[in-house]
Amino acid sequence: MPAFDRRGRPPLRSLAFDLGLGAIAALGQAPWNLWFLSVTALGVLCWRIGRAKTARDSGWHGFAAGFGQFAVAMSWIVEPFLVEPDVYGWMAPFALFFMASGGALFWAAPAWLSGRTTLEMQQRGLSFAALMVLSDWLRGWIFSGLPWALTGHIWIDTPAAQMAALFGAIGLSALTMLAAALPTIFWRQGKAPHPAFAGTVLSVLLIGTAWTSGMARLGRPMPADTSINLRLVQPNATQALKWDPYWSEVFFRRLLDLSAARDPDRPAPDTVIWPETAVNFLLEQSASAPQDIASYVGAPVLLGIQRVEGARYFNSLTEFSAKGIGAIYDKFHLVPFGEYTPWGDLMSRFGIRAFAAQHGFGYSAGHGPATLRFGGLPPVQPLICYEAVFSRHLLSGNDRPEWLLQVTNDAWFGNLSGPWQHLAQARLRAIESGLPLMRAANTGVSAVIDAHGELRATLGLNLSGRIDSPLPAALPPTPWSRWGDWPTLLAALACVLLSARYRRLTGRRG
């Protein structure tokens, strides 16, 4: 057992090891997709937490590993501060530190609670795994939610991701944590042959079962594509130049020319799709622009655009066609401190108006998720940028659309991990819902994603161009779209309660 110092935490060399485990665990996320390293690192972490002397020690192991995980997986968080480095660059390291620290708390709490509620190493490993699943779910809700770099996201680029059609993203987190914890759950000191070997075999079988089940689902014939032809346009408007008066005109002309181009080998698009905040004018200033743009392009255009009501601004999506402006969708799940300041409107009641959306500071939120109809297109659920991160916003039942549309500006996320992780989560939304997803990104990655989450076509980072594709067909509603995360959450909660019950029973025997 490692020695612990008198300050109530493991020594720095032990925490440094945990930090390294977390960093390795992050390599399962996009764009690295080294899921086997994630499972191994998390398995070692489960074992260390199981062997910890106290709950406080367990919490420290979890915090250090979580810090390493989020520091690597979410290193892209520094990129927005580097768009204007002379003004905001000094804030970048602080943003990464506090982001990693905040994320680490969602690993520290399960580790500490597992130590508080269980005595035996095996039960502690099971409890920690189950609590991590609950923590991943909670992270999608608390403080408006940030379900980014979940432990289950390591499977998105594998056939095992198809299990999300049954159990959602949280079900994939359960797959990750159970596979990682099984060797610790079966651990018995001094036994020969060592039972942990059986736990490792079961872990491999669990992953293999998910993998082969996913391959079987992918092997089923897909319905024929629809007759709707769409064009995704990517102007590659870099964030530093996007609003520059000269360059914004260059990017606008690029959008028009790419949209109007004709390929003799492909049918003309029925609708053209531009990314988030595609134009440099407000919707209220559009005048005859809807008809002029549709006429030049030769088809209706769905585009991201800003609009204003009084002093309130909205990040919106609408249709420009020969008939004018179509239905309007307003982004409702805004980025805290990026698109609005939390409690800004509340503070304005006390005279502090500099952060209030109702006074024009930041965006105001729309009414919520919606299924809309644009022209002759099938009903669609729009998702603007960050909204595609949230499984809970997907509509089902009578409101279920026939496809999903994400318009986004990932130029804020830099060129390394951020855009690829955002794309991966869009793929997961398609799997969960059984719906195709069309993705128009400003600087990439634009993509056609079918209802299995498979990439039909992509246009990579920092490129300008277009994708012409038929709209893939929808699948029937998935089991997850009917029952949501409840089966996984209830199973995780049952594991926590059983582990705690075992402690009480063994305590009474003692």
Protein backbone atom coordinates (compact mmCIF):
# COMPACT_ATOMS: atom_id res chain seq x y z
CA MET A 1 0.00 0.00 0.00
CA PRO A 2 1.36 3.49 -0.77
CA ALA A 3 2.30 5.73 2.11
CA PHE A 4 0.15 8.76 2.90
CA ASP A 5 1.43 11.96 4.42
CA ARG A 6 0.00 13.69 7.43
CA ARG A 7 -1.86 16.36 5.47
CA GLY A 8 -4.62 13.91 4.58
CA ARG A 9 -3.83 13.37 0.91
CA PRO A 10 -1.66 10.95 -1.03
CA PRO A 11 1.89 12.13 -1.78
CA LEU A 12 2.48 14.17 -4.91
CA ARG A 13 4.12 11.28 -6.75
CA SER A 14 0.98 9.23 -6.24
CA LEU A 15 -1.25 12.05 -7.46
CA ALA A 16 1.05 12.57 -10.45
CA PHE A 17 0.49 8.92 -11.34
CA ASP A 18 -3.28 9.47 -11.13
CA LEU A 19 -2.93 12.59 -13.26
CA GLY A 20 -1.17 10.47 -15.89
CA LEU A 21 -3.93 7.87 -15.75
CA GLY A 22 -6.51 10.57 -16.45
CA ALA A 23 -4.47 11.93 -19.35
CA ILE A 24 -4.25 8.44 -20.84
CA ALA A 25 -7.99 7.93 -20.32
CA ALA A 26 -8.60 11.09 -22.37
CA LEU A 27 -6.96 9.49 -25.41
CA GLY A 28 -10.12 7.49 -26.00
CA GLN A 29 -11.87 10.72 -27.00
CA ALA A 30 -11.85 12.06 -30.55
CA PRO A 31 -9.67 12.62 -32.50
CA TRP A 32 -7.42 9.96 -30.95
CA ASN A 33 -10.10 7.26 -30.41
CA LEU A 34 -7.74 4.98 -28.44
CA TRP A 35 -10.57 3.42 -26.45
CA PHE A 36 -8.49 0.50 -25.21
CA LEU A 37 -6.11 2.92 -23.45
CA SER A 38 -9.08 4.60 -21.78
CA VAL A 39 -10.49 1.32 -20.47
CA THR A 40 -7.07 0.24 -19.21
CA ALA A 41 -6.34 3.55 -17.48
CA LEU A 42 -9.78 3.64 -15.88
CA GLY A 43 -9.30 0.03 -14.78
CA VAL A 44 -6.10 0.95 -12.96
CA LEU A 45 -7.87 3.93 -11.40
CA CYS A 46 -10.69 1.68 -10.14
CA TRP A 47 -8.07 -0.58 -8.55
CA ARG A 48 -6.29 2.35 -6.87
CA ILE A 49 -9.53 3.76 -5.54
CA GLY A 50 -10.50 0.30 -4.30
CA ARG A 51 -7.22 0.01 -2.36
CA ALA A 52 -7.31 3.53 -0.90
CA LYS A 53 -7.16 3.65 2.90
CA THR A 54 -9.80 6.33 3.36
CA ALA A 55 -12.59 8.03 1.47
CA ARG A 56 -10.49 11.20 1.41
CA ASP A 57 -7.67 9.33 -0.30
CA SER A 58 -10.15 7.95 -2.85
CA GLY A 59 -11.40 11.45 -3.53
CA TRP A 60 -7.89 12.72 -4.16
CA HIS A 61 -7.20 9.88 -6.61
CA GLY A 62 -10.41 10.71 -8.46
CA PHE A 63 -9.70 14.44 -8.54
CA ALA A 64 -6.17 14.05 -9.88
CA ALA A 65 -7.26 11.59 -12.56
CA GLY A 66 -10.21 13.78 -13.52
CA PHE A 67 -7.94 16.80 -13.81
CA GLY A 68 -5.67 14.90 -16.20
CA GLN A 69 -8.64 13.69 -18.23
CA PHE A 70 -10.23 17.09 -18.72
CA ALA A 71 -6.94 18.95 -19.17
CA VAL A 72 -6.20 16.77 -22.20
CA ALA A 73 -9.70 16.09 -23.56
CA MET A 74 -10.81 19.72 -23.28
CA SER A 75 -7.53 21.43 -24.05
CA TRP A 76 -9.36 23.11 -26.94
CA ILE A 77 -10.99 25.43 -24.38
CA VAL A 78 -8.01 27.77 -24.76
CA GLU A 79 -8.74 28.37 -28.45
CA PRO A 80 -11.48 31.05 -28.10
CA PHE A 81 -9.06 33.17 -26.09
CA LEU A 82 -6.47 32.98 -28.85
CA VAL A 83 -8.72 34.50 -31.55
CA GLU A 84 -7.60 37.89 -30.21
CA PRO A 85 -4.50 36.83 -28.27
CA ASP A 86 -3.34 40.37 -27.53
CA VAL A 87 -6.60 41.02 -25.64
CA TYR A 88 -7.67 37.66 -24.22
CA GLY A 89 -4.63 35.39 -24.53
CA TRP A 90 -3.62 35.83 -20.88
CA MET A 91 -6.90 34.19 -19.83
CA ALA A 92 -6.29 30.93 -21.72
CA PRO A 93 -4.28 29.03 -19.04
CA PHE A 94 -6.76 30.08 -16.35
CA ALA A 95 -9.66 28.84 -18.47
CA LEU A 96 -8.00 25.44 -18.91
CA PHE A 97 -7.11 25.19 -15.22
CA PHE A 98 -10.59 26.00 -13.97
CA MET A 99 -12.28 23.85 -16.63
CA ALA A 100 -10.11 20.87 -15.71
CA SER A 101 -10.64 21.50 -11.99
CA GLY A 102 -14.41 21.75 -12.38
CA GLY A 103 -14.53 18.56 -14.42
CA ALA A 104 -12.28 16.81 -11.90
CA LEU A 105 -14.87 17.38 -9.17
CA PHE A 106 -17.23 15.10 -11.11
CA TRP A 107 -14.65 12.33 -10.74
CA ALA A 108 -13.63 13.18 -7.18
CA ALA A 109 -17.20 13.01 -5.82
CA PRO A 110 -17.85 9.42 -7.04
CA ALA A 111 -14.44 8.34 -5.75
CA TRP A 112 -15.05 9.88 -2.33
CA LEU A 113 -18.61 8.55 -2.06
CA SER A 114 -17.50 5.05 -2.99
CA GLY A 115 -15.06 5.19 -0.07
CA ARG A 116 -17.72 6.48 2.28
CA THR A 117 -20.34 3.89 1.42
CA THR A 118 -18.27 0.71 0.98
CA LEU A 119 -15.56 -1.17 2.88
CA GLU A 120 -14.40 -4.00 0.64
CA MET A 121 -12.28 -3.33 -2.41
CA GLN A 122 -14.65 -5.22 -4.71
CA GLN A 123 -17.74 -3.28 -3.64
CA ARG A 124 -15.84 -0.03 -3.80
CA GLY A 125 -14.87 -0.73 -7.42
CA LEU A 126 -18.49 -1.46 -8.35
CA SER A 127 -19.77 1.57 -6.44
CA PHE A 128 -17.21 3.88 -8.06
CA ALA A 129 -18.11 2.66 -11.54
CA ALA A 130 -21.85 3.14 -10.91
CA LEU A 131 -21.35 6.56 -9.35
CA MET A 132 -19.26 7.64 -12.34
CA VAL A 133 -22.20 6.77 -14.60
CA LEU A 134 -24.51 8.88 -12.44
CA SER A 135 -21.91 11.67 -12.44
CA ASP A 136 -21.71 11.65 -16.25
CA TRP A 137 -25.48 12.02 -16.36
CA LEU A 138 -25.48 14.82 -13.76
CA ARG A 139 -22.83 16.71 -15.73
CA GLY A 140 -25.34 17.05 -18.55
CA TRP A 141 -27.73 18.96 -16.27
CA ILE A 142 -26.04 20.85 -13.45
CA PHE A 143 -25.15 24.53 -14.10
CA SER A 144 -26.95 24.27 -17.48
CA GLY A 145 -24.93 21.15 -18.32
CA LEU A 146 -21.72 20.24 -20.14
CA PRO A 147 -21.88 16.56 -21.20
CA TRP A 148 -18.57 16.82 -23.07
CA ALA A 149 -15.87 14.12 -22.87
CA LEU A 150 -18.14 11.60 -21.14
CA THR A 151 -16.50 8.26 -20.37
CA GLY A 152 -18.88 6.68 -22.89
CA HIS A 153 -17.74 8.89 -25.76
CA ILE A 154 -14.69 6.68 -26.31
CA TRP A 155 -16.90 4.26 -28.28
CA ILE A 156 -18.33 6.70 -30.83
CA ASP A 157 -15.95 5.68 -33.62
CA THR A 158 -16.50 1.95 -32.99
CA PRO A 159 -19.37 -0.46 -33.67
CA ALA A 160 -20.04 -0.52 -29.90
CA ALA A 161 -21.49 2.99 -30.27
CA GLN A 162 -24.63 1.39 -31.71
CA MET A 163 -25.57 0.41 -28.16
CA ALA A 164 -26.56 4.08 -27.76
CA ALA A 165 -29.70 3.25 -29.75
CA LEU A 166 -30.69 1.11 -26.75
CA PHE A 167 -29.21 2.96 -23.79
CA GLY A 168 -28.00 6.36 -25.01
CA ALA A 169 -24.74 8.09 -24.25
CA ILE A 170 -25.07 7.27 -20.54
CA GLY A 171 -25.42 3.60 -21.45
CA LEU A 172 -22.06 3.87 -23.22
CA SER A 173 -20.61 5.36 -20.02
CA ALA A 174 -21.94 2.32 -18.17
CA LEU A 175 -20.22 0.04 -20.71
CA THR A 176 -16.94 1.89 -20.18
CA MET A 177 -17.02 1.90 -16.41
CA LEU A 178 -18.21 -1.69 -16.00
CA ALA A 179 -15.52 -2.94 -18.38
CA ALA A 180 -12.93 -0.95 -16.42
CA ALA A 181 -14.16 -2.05 -12.97
CA LEU A 182 -14.67 -5.80 -13.54
CA PRO A 183 -11.05 -6.82 -12.69
CA THR A 184 -11.30 -4.87 -9.40
CA ILE A 185 -14.76 -6.28 -8.66
CA PHE A 186 -13.34 -9.81 -8.92
CA TRP A 187 -10.09 -9.01 -7.11
CA ARG A 188 -9.22 -11.39 -4.25
CA GLN A 189 -5.89 -10.94 -2.45
CA GLY A 190 -3.70 -14.07 -2.38
CA LYS A 191 -5.99 -16.26 -4.47
CA ALA A 192 -4.58 -18.55 -7.17
CA PRO A 193 -5.42 -18.50 -9.97
CA HIS A 194 -6.12 -14.84 -9.40
CA PRO A 195 -9.88 -14.07 -9.77
CA ALA A 196 -9.03 -10.70 -11.32
CA PHE A 197 -8.12 -12.68 -14.43
CA ALA A 198 -11.74 -13.83 -14.63
CA GLY A 199 -12.85 -10.22 -14.27
CA THR A 200 -10.55 -9.25 -17.14
CA VAL A 201 -11.99 -12.01 -19.30
CA LEU A 202 -15.51 -10.84 -18.50
CA SER A 203 -14.49 -7.29 -19.39
CA VAL A 204 -13.23 -8.45 -22.78
CA LEU A 205 -16.42 -10.45 -23.32
CA LEU A 206 -18.55 -7.43 -22.39
CA ILE A 207 -16.77 -5.22 -24.90
CA GLY A 208 -16.86 -8.00 -27.50
CA THR A 209 -20.59 -8.46 -27.04
CA ALA A 210 -21.24 -4.74 -27.47
CA TRP A 211 -18.93 -4.68 -30.48
CA THR A 212 -20.54 -7.64 -32.27
CA SER A 213 -24.05 -6.41 -31.46
CA GLY A 214 -23.13 -3.08 -32.97
CA MET A 215 -21.73 -4.75 -36.08
CA ALA A 216 -24.96 -6.73 -36.44
CA ARG A 217 -26.98 -3.51 -36.28
CA LEU A 218 -24.73 -1.83 -38.81
CA GLY A 219 -25.11 -4.86 -41.08
CA ARG A 220 -28.87 -4.52 -41.37
CA PRO A 221 -30.07 -2.93 -44.62
CA MET A 222 -30.82 0.76 -44.38
CA PRO A 223 -33.94 2.25 -45.98
CA ALA A 224 -33.37 3.91 -49.32
CA ASP A 225 -32.36 7.56 -49.21
CA THR A 226 -35.07 10.15 -49.64
CA SER A 227 -35.56 12.01 -52.91
CA ILE A 228 -34.53 15.30 -51.25
CA ASN A 229 -31.15 16.61 -52.45
CA LEU A 230 -29.32 18.94 -50.08
CA ARG A 231 -26.17 21.01 -50.43
CA LEU A 232 -24.02 21.85 -47.40
CA VAL A 233 -21.81 24.90 -47.91
CA GLN A 234 -18.66 25.55 -45.89
CA PRO A 235 -17.13 29.02 -46.49
CA ASN A 236 -14.08 28.62 -44.22
CA ALA A 237 -14.58 32.02 -42.61
CA THR A 238 -11.89 32.08 -39.94
CA GLN A 239 -13.03 33.57 -36.65
CA ALA A 240 -10.40 36.30 -36.58
CA LEU A 241 -11.62 37.62 -39.96
CA LYS A 242 -15.29 36.63 -39.90
CA TRP A 243 -16.64 40.07 -38.93
CA ASP A 244 -13.99 42.17 -40.65
CA PRO A 245 -15.88 44.46 -43.11
CA TYR A 246 -13.72 43.48 -46.08
CA TRP A 247 -13.45 39.78 -45.35
CA SER A 248 -17.10 39.34 -44.42
CA GLU A 249 -17.98 40.39 -47.96
CA VAL A 250 -15.43 37.92 -49.34
CA PHE A 251 -16.96 35.10 -47.28
CA PHE A 252 -20.49 36.09 -48.29
CA ARG A 253 -19.55 36.01 -51.97
CA ARG A 254 -17.92 32.62 -51.38
CA LEU A 255 -21.15 31.30 -49.87
CA LEU A 256 -23.12 32.52 -52.87
CA ASP A 257 -20.76 31.11 -55.49
CA LEU A 258 -20.44 27.72 -53.81
CA SER A 259 -24.20 27.56 -53.44
CA ALA A 260 -24.93 28.47 -57.05
CA ALA A 261 -22.35 26.17 -58.64
CA ARG A 262 -23.76 23.36 -60.74
CA ASP A 263 -22.35 19.87 -61.16
CA PRO A 264 -23.51 18.18 -64.38
CA ASP A 265 -23.17 14.76 -62.74
CA ARG A 266 -25.45 15.61 -59.82
CA PRO A 267 -29.03 16.86 -59.58
CA ALA A 268 -29.54 20.45 -58.54
CA PRO A 269 -30.06 20.82 -54.79
CA ASP A 270 -33.58 21.20 -53.49
CA THR A 271 -32.25 23.26 -50.58
CA VAL A 272 -28.88 24.78 -49.71
CA ILE A 273 -27.68 24.92 -46.09
CA TRP A 274 -25.32 27.57 -44.71
CA PRO A 275 -23.68 27.42 -41.25
CA GLU A 276 -24.32 29.30 -38.01
CA THR A 277 -24.28 33.14 -38.19
CA ALA A 278 -23.50 32.84 -41.88
CA VAL A 279 -24.11 36.48 -42.86
CA ASN A 280 -22.97 39.82 -41.48
CA PHE A 281 -26.40 41.46 -41.31
CA LEU A 282 -29.35 41.04 -38.97
CA LEU A 283 -32.53 39.31 -40.10
CA GLU A 284 -34.40 42.60 -39.66
CA GLN A 285 -31.98 44.25 -42.09
CA SER A 286 -32.40 41.60 -44.80
CA ALA A 287 -34.87 43.65 -46.94
CA SER A 288 -35.01 41.80 -50.30
CA ALA A 289 -31.99 39.60 -49.45
CA PRO A 290 -34.09 36.41 -49.00
CA GLN A 291 -35.51 36.60 -52.53
CA ASP A 292 -32.23 37.83 -54.04
CA ILE A 293 -30.15 35.06 -52.45
CA ALA A 294 -32.64 32.33 -53.35
CA SER A 295 -32.78 33.63 -56.92
CA TYR A 296 -28.99 33.72 -57.29
CA VAL A 297 -28.55 30.29 -55.73
CA GLY A 298 -31.48 28.75 -57.56
CA ALA A 299 -32.90 27.12 -54.44
CA PRO A 300 -34.11 28.01 -50.93
CA VAL A 301 -31.36 28.52 -48.36
CA LEU A 302 -31.44 27.48 -44.70
CA LEU A 303 -28.99 29.64 -42.79
CA GLY A 304 -27.85 30.75 -39.40
CA ILE A 305 -28.46 34.46 -38.81
CA GLN A 306 -28.71 36.87 -35.91
CA ARG A 307 -31.92 38.73 -35.21
CA VAL A 308 -33.13 41.35 -32.75
CA GLU A 309 -36.34 42.09 -30.82
CA GLY A 310 -36.11 45.40 -29.02
CA ALA A 311 -32.83 45.19 -27.12
CA ARG A 312 -32.71 41.38 -27.19
CA TYR A 313 -30.56 39.50 -29.69
CA PHE A 314 -31.08 35.91 -30.82
CA ASN A 315 -28.85 33.34 -32.51
CA SER A 316 -31.30 31.99 -35.06
CA LEU A 317 -31.91 29.82 -38.09
CA THR A 318 -34.40 30.50 -40.85
CA GLU A 319 -35.16 29.93 -44.52
CA PHE A 320 -34.58 32.39 -47.36
CA SER A 321 -36.68 31.62 -50.41
CA ALA A 322 -38.56 33.29 -53.22
CA LYS A 323 -41.42 33.73 -50.74
CA GLY A 324 -39.20 35.65 -48.32
CA ILE A 325 -38.38 34.64 -44.75
CA GLY A 326 -39.59 31.23 -43.58
CA ALA A 327 -40.06 29.75 -40.13
CA ILE A 328 -37.60 31.00 -37.49
CA TYR A 329 -35.82 28.93 -34.86
CA ASP A 330 -33.96 30.62 -31.97
CA LYS A 331 -31.15 28.85 -30.16
CA PHE A 332 -32.32 28.22 -26.62
CA HIS A 333 -29.41 26.38 -24.94
CA LEU A 334 -26.79 29.10 -24.88
CA VAL A 335 -23.14 28.81 -23.85
CA PRO A 336 -22.67 30.28 -20.35
CA PHE A 337 -20.20 33.18 -20.34
CA GLY A 338 -19.80 32.71 -24.10
CA GLU A 339 -23.25 33.71 -25.36
CA TYR A 340 -24.77 35.07 -22.16
CA THR A 341 -23.93 35.75 -18.53
CA PRO A 342 -25.84 33.53 -16.09
CA TRP A 343 -28.34 35.44 -13.95
CA GLY A 344 -27.66 38.59 -16.01
CA ASP A 345 -31.35 39.47 -16.32
CA LEU A 346 -31.82 38.84 -12.61
CA MET A 347 -28.95 41.19 -11.74
CA SER A 348 -30.53 43.90 -13.89
CA ARG A 349 -33.38 44.11 -11.38
CA PHE A 350 -30.85 45.40 -8.88
CA GLY A 351 -29.40 47.95 -11.28
CA ILE A 352 -26.56 45.81 -12.67
CA ARG A 353 -27.40 45.86 -16.38
CA ALA A 354 -24.01 45.27 -18.00
CA PHE A 355 -24.60 41.50 -18.18
CA ALA A 356 -28.31 41.38 -18.97
CA ALA A 357 -29.47 39.85 -22.25
CA GLN A 358 -32.64 41.94 -22.05
CA HIS A 359 -30.47 45.03 -22.41
CA GLY A 360 -28.54 43.69 -25.40
CA PHE A 361 -25.63 42.06 -23.57
CA GLY A 362 -25.30 38.58 -25.02
CA TYR A 363 -28.01 36.48 -26.63
CA SER A 364 -31.44 35.74 -25.27
CA ALA A 365 -32.66 32.14 -25.22
CA GLY A 366 -35.33 30.85 -27.55
CA HIS A 367 -38.39 28.92 -26.42
CA GLY A 368 -36.94 25.42 -26.65
CA PRO A 369 -36.46 22.50 -29.06
CA ALA A 370 -38.85 22.45 -31.98
CA THR A 371 -39.75 20.49 -35.07
CA LEU A 372 -40.16 22.83 -38.03
CA ARG A 373 -41.13 22.65 -41.68
CA PHE A 374 -39.24 24.57 -44.32
CA GLY A 375 -40.77 24.65 -47.79
CA GLY A 376 -41.16 21.15 -49.18
CA LEU A 377 -38.64 19.55 -46.80
CA PRO A 378 -39.57 16.81 -44.32
CA PRO A 379 -40.01 18.04 -40.73
CA VAL A 380 -36.65 18.81 -39.12
CA GLN A 381 -35.31 19.58 -35.67
CA PRO A 382 -32.69 22.36 -35.88
CA LEU A 383 -29.71 22.30 -33.52
CA ILE A 384 -27.46 25.33 -33.39
CA CYS A 385 -23.86 24.52 -32.49
CA TYR A 386 -23.65 23.60 -28.78
CA GLU A 387 -27.22 22.26 -28.67
CA ALA A 388 -26.13 19.07 -30.45
CA VAL A 389 -24.11 18.12 -27.35
CA PHE A 390 -27.29 17.40 -25.36
CA SER A 391 -29.14 14.11 -25.80
CA ARG A 392 -31.99 15.43 -23.68
CA HIS A 393 -32.97 17.98 -26.33
CA LEU A 394 -33.83 15.37 -28.95
CA LEU A 395 -37.56 15.30 -29.66
CA SER A 396 -39.57 12.08 -29.85
CA GLY A 397 -43.16 10.91 -29.86
CA ASN A 398 -45.57 13.09 -31.82
CA ASP A 399 -42.91 15.80 -32.15
CA ARG A 400 -40.33 13.45 -33.67
CA PRO A 401 -38.80 14.96 -36.82
CA GLU A 402 -37.57 13.03 -39.86
CA TRP A 403 -34.06 14.46 -39.71
CA LEU A 404 -31.75 16.64 -37.64
CA LEU A 405 -29.94 19.75 -38.84
CA GLN A 406 -26.92 21.18 -37.05
CA VAL A 407 -25.53 24.54 -38.13
CA THR A 408 -22.37 25.44 -36.27
CA ASN A 409 -19.33 27.67 -36.13
CA ASP A 410 -16.52 25.46 -34.85
CA ALA A 411 -13.89 28.04 -35.71
CA TRP A 412 -13.97 28.86 -31.98
CA PHE A 413 -12.72 25.34 -31.19
CA GLY A 414 -9.36 25.57 -32.99
CA ASN A 415 -7.84 22.91 -35.22
CA LEU A 416 -7.00 20.04 -32.89
CA SER A 417 -9.49 18.12 -30.75
CA GLY A 418 -12.50 20.41 -30.31
CA PRO A 419 -14.08 20.24 -33.80
CA TRP A 420 -13.64 16.46 -33.97
CA GLN A 421 -15.22 15.92 -30.56
CA HIS A 422 -18.14 18.13 -31.57
CA LEU A 423 -18.59 16.10 -34.75
CA ALA A 424 -18.42 12.84 -32.78
CA GLN A 425 -21.23 13.98 -30.51
CA ALA A 426 -23.36 14.86 -33.52
CA ARG A 427 -22.87 11.28 -34.71
CA LEU A 428 -24.02 10.04 -31.30
CA ARG A 429 -27.23 12.10 -31.54
CA ALA A 430 -28.00 10.34 -34.84
CA ILE A 431 -27.50 6.90 -33.26
CA GLU A 432 -29.61 7.72 -30.21
CA SER A 433 -32.50 9.11 -32.22
CA GLY A 434 -32.31 6.88 -35.30
CA LEU A 435 -32.38 10.03 -37.43
CA PRO A 436 -29.98 11.30 -40.10
CA LEU A 437 -28.14 14.51 -39.27
CA MET A 438 -26.93 17.10 -41.78
CA ARG A 439 -24.13 19.28 -40.42
CA ALA A 440 -23.06 22.61 -41.93
CA ALA A 441 -19.97 24.04 -40.25
CA ASN A 442 -18.29 27.36 -40.90
CA THR A 443 -14.69 26.09 -40.99
CA GLY A 444 -15.41 22.36 -40.71
CA VAL A 445 -16.23 19.66 -40.21
CA SER A 446 -19.37 19.65 -42.37
CA ALA A 447 -20.86 16.18 -42.71
CA VAL A 448 -23.69 13.97 -43.89
CA ILE A 449 -24.47 11.52 -41.08
CA ASP A 450 -26.91 8.67 -41.56
CA ALA A 451 -29.27 7.24 -38.93
CA HIS A 452 -26.57 4.79 -37.76
CA GLY A 453 -24.21 7.67 -37.05
CA GLU A 454 -22.03 6.71 -40.00
CA LEU A 455 -20.29 9.46 -41.97
CA ARG A 456 -21.55 9.45 -45.56
CA ALA A 457 -19.49 12.49 -46.57
CA THR A 458 -17.32 15.07 -44.82
CA LEU A 459 -15.59 18.33 -45.64
CA GLY A 460 -12.55 18.72 -43.41
CA LEU A 461 -11.14 21.54 -41.34
CA ASN A 462 -10.07 24.86 -42.83
CA LEU A 463 -11.44 24.10 -46.27
CA SER A 464 -14.03 25.88 -48.35
CA GLY A 465 -16.37 23.79 -50.44
CA ARG A 466 -19.69 22.06 -50.64
CA ILE A 467 -21.23 18.64 -50.14
CA ASP A 468 -24.10 17.50 -52.35
CA SER A 469 -26.03 14.57 -50.95
CA PRO A 470 -29.49 13.08 -50.79
CA LEU A 471 -31.04 13.24 -47.36
CA PRO A 472 -30.63 9.79 -45.77
CA ALA A 473 -33.77 8.07 -44.54
CA ALA A 474 -34.84 7.89 -40.91
CA LEU A 475 -35.08 4.66 -38.94
CA PRO A 476 -38.02 3.79 -36.66
CA PRO A 477 -37.83 5.33 -33.18
CA THR A 478 -35.01 3.73 -31.17
CA PRO A 479 -35.62 2.09 -27.79
CA TRP A 480 -33.61 4.91 -26.19
CA SER A 481 -35.90 7.53 -27.74
CA ARG A 482 -38.81 5.78 -25.96
CA TRP A 483 -37.38 5.14 -22.50
CA GLY A 484 -34.39 7.51 -22.32
CA ASP A 485 -31.64 7.10 -19.72
CA TRP A 486 -33.86 5.66 -16.98
CA PRO A 487 -32.89 1.96 -17.27
CA THR A 488 -29.19 2.79 -17.04
CA LEU A 489 -29.65 5.28 -14.21
CA LEU A 490 -31.78 2.88 -12.19
CA ALA A 491 -29.29 0.06 -12.69
CA ALA A 492 -26.41 2.32 -11.60
CA LEU A 493 -28.34 3.48 -8.55
CA ALA A 494 -29.14 -0.14 -7.66
CA CYS A 495 -25.43 -1.00 -7.77
CA VAL A 496 -24.63 1.88 -5.41
CA LEU A 497 -27.37 0.85 -2.97
CA LEU A 498 -26.37 -2.81 -3.05
CA SER A 499 -22.75 -1.90 -2.35
CA ALA A 500 -23.81 0.28 0.59
CA ARG A 501 -26.14 -2.47 1.85
CA TYR A 502 -23.27 -4.97 1.75
CA ARG A 503 -21.23 -2.64 3.98
CA ARG A 504 -23.99 -2.47 6.56
CA LEU A 505 -24.43 -6.24 6.56
CA THR A 506 -20.72 -6.96 6.97
CA GLY A 507 -20.52 -4.27 9.65
CA ARG A 508 -23.25 -6.03 11.64
CA ARG A 509 -21.49 -9.39 11.32
CA GLY A 510 -18.30 -7.79 12.58
